C-alpha atoms as a PDB file:
ATOM      1  CA  MET A   1      47.219  51.588  59.778  1.00  0.00           C
ATOM      2  CA  VAL A   2      47.035  52.971  62.966  1.00  0.00           C
ATOM      3  CA  SER A   3      49.141  50.964  66.070  1.00  0.00           C
ATOM      4  CA  CYS A   4      47.889  50.990  69.097  1.00  0.00           C
ATOM      5  CA  THR A   5      50.116  50.376  72.251  1.00  0.00           C
ATOM      6  CA  THR A   6      49.482  50.503  75.942  1.00  0.00           C
ATOM      7  CA  THR A   7      52.433  50.402  78.220  1.00  0.00           C
ATOM      8  CA  SER A   8      52.264  48.689  81.511  1.00  0.00           C
ATOM      9  CA  SER A   9      54.784  46.581  84.080  1.00  0.00           C
ATOM     10  CA  PRO A  10      54.792  43.122  82.667  1.00  0.00           C
ATOM     11  CA  PRO A  11      52.263  40.496  83.944  1.00  0.00           C
ATOM     12  CA  ALA A  12      55.424  38.175  85.114  1.00  0.00           C
ATOM     13  CA  GLU A  13      56.436  40.676  87.635  1.00  0.00           C
ATOM     14  CA  ARG A  14      52.982  40.754  89.710  1.00  0.00           C
ATOM     15  CA  PHE A  15      53.374  37.709  90.747  1.00  0.00           C
ATOM     16  CA  VAL A  16      56.679  36.345  92.417  1.00  0.00           C
ATOM     17  CA  VAL A  17      57.555  33.093  93.583  1.00  0.00           C
ATOM     18  CA  ARG A  18      59.806  31.859  96.353  1.00  0.00           C
ATOM     19  CA  SER A  19      60.567  29.221  98.530  1.00  0.00           C
ATOM     20  CA  SER A  20      60.009  26.529  96.108  1.00  0.00           C
ATOM     21  CA  TRP A  21      60.791  22.787  96.340  1.00  0.00           C
ATOM     22  CA  ALA A  22      59.679  19.599  95.286  1.00  0.00           C
ATOM     23  CA  ARG A  23      60.417  15.566  96.950  1.00  0.00           C
ATOM     24  CA  THR A  24      62.250  13.280  95.350  1.00  0.00           C
ATOM     25  CA  ALA A  25      60.036  10.166  93.744  1.00  0.00           C
ATOM     26  CA  ASP A  26      60.497   7.549  91.523  1.00  0.00           C
ATOM     27  CA  SER A  27      59.412   7.949  87.759  1.00  0.00           C
ATOM     28  CA  GLY A  28      55.650   6.901  87.251  1.00  0.00           C
ATOM     29  CA  ALA A  29      55.183   7.860  91.298  1.00  0.00           C
ATOM     30  CA  THR A  30      53.603  10.769  92.683  1.00  0.00           C
ATOM     31  CA  SER A  31      55.400  13.497  94.471  1.00  0.00           C
ATOM     32  CA  GLY A  32      54.596  17.191  96.294  1.00  0.00           C
ATOM     33  CA  ALA A  33      55.387  20.526  95.186  1.00  0.00           C
ATOM     34  CA  TYR A  34      55.744  23.544  97.713  1.00  0.00           C
ATOM     35  CA  LEU A  35      56.276  26.999  96.937  1.00  0.00           C
ATOM     36  CA  ASP A  36      55.033  30.641  98.257  1.00  0.00           C
ATOM     37  CA  ILE A  37      53.582  33.356  95.205  1.00  0.00           C
ATOM     38  CA  VAL A  38      53.401  36.730  96.349  1.00  0.00           C
ATOM     39  CA  ASN A  39      50.426  38.810  94.588  1.00  0.00           C
ATOM     40  CA  HIS A  40      51.998  42.749  94.288  1.00  0.00           C
ATOM     41  CA  ASP A  41      49.308  43.683  92.329  1.00  0.00           C
ATOM     42  CA  THR A  42      46.600  45.993  93.541  1.00  0.00           C
ATOM     43  CA  VAL A  43      43.493  43.652  93.535  1.00  0.00           C
ATOM     44  CA  THR A  44      43.254  39.962  94.722  1.00  0.00           C
ATOM     45  CA  ARG A  45      43.998  37.550  92.250  1.00  0.00           C
ATOM     46  CA  SER A  46      43.612  33.632  92.005  1.00  0.00           C
ATOM     47  CA  LEU A  47      45.727  30.364  91.248  1.00  0.00           C
ATOM     48  CA  VAL A  48      42.984  28.983  88.675  1.00  0.00           C
ATOM     49  CA  ALA A  49      45.655  26.171  87.495  1.00  0.00           C
ATOM     50  CA  ILE A  50      49.233  24.372  87.677  1.00  0.00           C
ATOM     51  CA  THR A  51      50.519  22.381  84.102  1.00  0.00           C
ATOM     52  CA  THR A  52      54.160  20.787  83.726  1.00  0.00           C
ATOM     53  CA  GLU A  53      55.735  18.692  81.730  1.00  0.00           C
ATOM     54  CA  ALA A  54      57.476  16.080  84.344  1.00  0.00           C
ATOM     55  CA  ALA A  55      54.038  14.198  85.071  1.00  0.00           C
ATOM     56  CA  ALA A  56      50.637  13.692  83.752  1.00  0.00           C
ATOM     57  CA  ALA A  57      48.959  15.776  85.938  1.00  0.00           C
ATOM     58  CA  ALA A  58      49.696  18.652  88.426  1.00  0.00           C
ATOM     59  CA  GLU A  59      47.029  19.504  90.800  1.00  0.00           C
ATOM     60  CA  VAL A  60      46.806  21.952  93.238  1.00  0.00           C
ATOM     61  CA  HIS A  61      45.079  20.076  96.562  1.00  0.00           C
ATOM     62  CA  GLU A  62      44.523  20.860 100.301  1.00  0.00           C
ATOM     63  CA  THR A  63      45.149  18.198 102.617  1.00  0.00           C
ATOM     64  CA  MET A  64      42.707  19.085 105.848  1.00  0.00           C
ATOM     65  CA  THR A  65      41.284  17.075 108.886  1.00  0.00           C
ATOM     66  CA  HIS A  66      37.880  16.117 109.733  1.00  0.00           C
ATOM     67  CA  GLU A  67      36.295  14.546 112.892  1.00  0.00           C
ATOM     68  CA  GLY A  68      40.003  12.417 112.822  1.00  0.00           C
ATOM     69  CA  MET A  69      40.170  11.284 109.375  1.00  0.00           C
ATOM     70  CA  THR A  70      42.823  13.363 107.157  1.00  0.00           C
ATOM     71  CA  HIS A  71      42.187  13.705 103.532  1.00  0.00           C
ATOM     72  CA  MET A  72      42.938  15.908 100.309  1.00  0.00           C
ATOM     73  CA  THR A  73      40.565  18.408  98.877  1.00  0.00           C
ATOM     74  CA  PRO A  74      41.300  19.498  95.289  1.00  0.00           C
ATOM     75  CA  ARG A  75      41.692  23.305  94.851  1.00  0.00           C
ATOM     76  CA  THR A  76      41.020  24.884  91.799  1.00  0.00           C
ATOM     77  CA  ASP A  77      40.576  28.413  92.706  1.00  0.00           C
ATOM     78  CA  LEU A  78      42.807  30.062  95.396  1.00  0.00           C
ATOM     79  CA  PRO A  79      42.634  33.997  95.921  1.00  0.00           C
ATOM     80  CA  ILE A  80      45.606  35.380  96.565  1.00  0.00           C
ATOM     81  CA  ALA A  81      44.999  38.795  98.585  1.00  0.00           C
ATOM     82  CA  ALA A  82      46.799  42.124  96.845  1.00  0.00           C
ATOM     83  CA  GLY A  83      50.241  42.094  98.556  1.00  0.00           C
ATOM     84  CA  GLY A  84      49.470  38.804 100.086  1.00  0.00           C
ATOM     85  CA  THR A  85      51.103  35.522  99.710  1.00  0.00           C
ATOM     86  CA  LEU A  86      50.064  32.025  99.198  1.00  0.00           C
ATOM     87  CA  SER A  87      52.132  29.540 100.696  1.00  0.00           C
ATOM     88  CA  MET A  88      52.155  25.745  99.859  1.00  0.00           C
ATOM     89  CA  GLN A  89      53.619  23.332 102.687  1.00  0.00           C
ATOM     90  CA  PRO A  90      53.681  19.630 103.807  1.00  0.00           C
ATOM     91  CA  GLY A  91      50.283  19.306 105.587  1.00  0.00           C
ATOM     92  CA  GLY A  92      48.528  21.804 104.159  1.00  0.00           C
ATOM     93  CA  VAL A  93      47.708  23.384 100.119  1.00  0.00           C
ATOM     94  CA  HIS A  94      50.325  21.870  98.422  1.00  0.00           C
ATOM     95  CA  VAL A  95      50.987  20.775  94.255  1.00  0.00           C
ATOM     96  CA  MET A  96      50.444  16.991  93.834  1.00  0.00           C
ATOM     97  CA  LEU A  97      52.726  15.709  90.587  1.00  0.00           C
ATOM     98  CA  VAL A  98      50.693  12.676  89.195  1.00  0.00           C
ATOM     99  CA  ALA A  99      52.254  10.335  87.114  1.00  0.00           C
ATOM    100  CA  LEU A 100      55.922  11.337  86.994  1.00  0.00           C
ATOM    101  CA  ARG A 101      57.383  10.878  83.615  1.00  0.00           C
ATOM    102  CA  ARG A 102      60.796  10.648  85.115  1.00  0.00           C
ATOM    103  CA  ALA A 103      62.072   9.849  88.471  1.00  0.00           C
ATOM    104  CA  LEU A 104      62.776  13.361  90.434  1.00  0.00           C
ATOM    105  CA  ALA A 105      66.466  13.076  91.844  1.00  0.00           C
ATOM    106  CA  VAL A 106      67.838  15.601  94.668  1.00  0.00           C
ATOM    107  CA  GLY A 107      69.476  18.252  92.403  1.00  0.00           C
ATOM    108  CA  ASP A 108      67.086  18.014  89.654  1.00  0.00           C
ATOM    109  CA  SER A 109      64.159  20.747  88.723  1.00  0.00           C
ATOM    110  CA  VAL A 110      60.937  20.614  87.749  1.00  0.00           C
ATOM    111  CA  PRO A 111      59.339  23.390  85.649  1.00  0.00           C
ATOM    112  CA  LEU A 112      55.330  24.366  86.806  1.00  0.00           C
ATOM    113  CA  ARG A 113      53.878  27.130  84.462  1.00  0.00           C
ATOM    114  CA  LEU A 114      51.563  29.131  87.346  1.00  0.00           C
ATOM    115  CA  ARG A 115      48.035  30.066  85.428  1.00  0.00           C
ATOM    116  CA  PHE A 116      46.257  32.986  87.069  1.00  0.00           C
ATOM    117  CA  SER A 117      42.819  34.525  87.187  1.00  0.00           C
ATOM    118  CA  ASP A 118      43.969  37.381  85.296  1.00  0.00           C
ATOM    119  CA  SER A 119      45.246  35.269  82.072  1.00  0.00           C
ATOM    120  CA  THR A 120      48.687  35.487  83.517  1.00  0.00           C
ATOM    121  CA  ALA A 121      51.028  32.817  82.770  1.00  0.00           C
ATOM    122  CA  VAL A 122      54.193  31.966  84.859  1.00  0.00           C
ATOM    123  CA  THR A 123      57.139  29.259  84.938  1.00  0.00           C
ATOM    124  CA  VAL A 124      59.328  28.336  87.525  1.00  0.00           C
ATOM    125  CA  MET A 125      61.538  26.138  87.543  1.00  0.00           C
ATOM    126  CA  VAL A 126      61.049  23.870  91.271  1.00  0.00           C
ATOM    127  CA  PRO A 127      64.596  22.718  92.480  1.00  0.00           C
ATOM    128  CA  VAL A 128      63.797  18.935  94.088  1.00  0.00           C
ATOM    129  CA  ARG A 129      65.491  18.104  97.047  1.00  0.00           C
ATOM    130  CA  ALA A 130      64.811  15.692 100.610  1.00  0.00           C
ATOM    131  CA  PRO A 131      62.177  15.817 103.083  1.00  0.00           C
END
């Protein structure tokens, strides 16, 4: 039996998450999470999914204003340029944590699993704080 391996940098190093935080909320409610994702790869990669055990669903939305009306649009593919940063913030692109399975209080953490277009998955612990 012959084994063949290749060496490369660990996939998690392609993406670095910074400045993450989530809003406080009651159990069963909806909260928001915000983070900066840096793409250290040499090509554009996309964030394609986020999951969490802390809520029934984690959905990426973008807040937009059209003809004076503000609404949220689901985003299922967010490109991050090589060497670029995707910044999630209130009033812009953000993660909606829908139907929380437990209350989120200041000092808690929420696990988020980020999945990218190259099949890389990164799990981060997002601290909860008051806005």
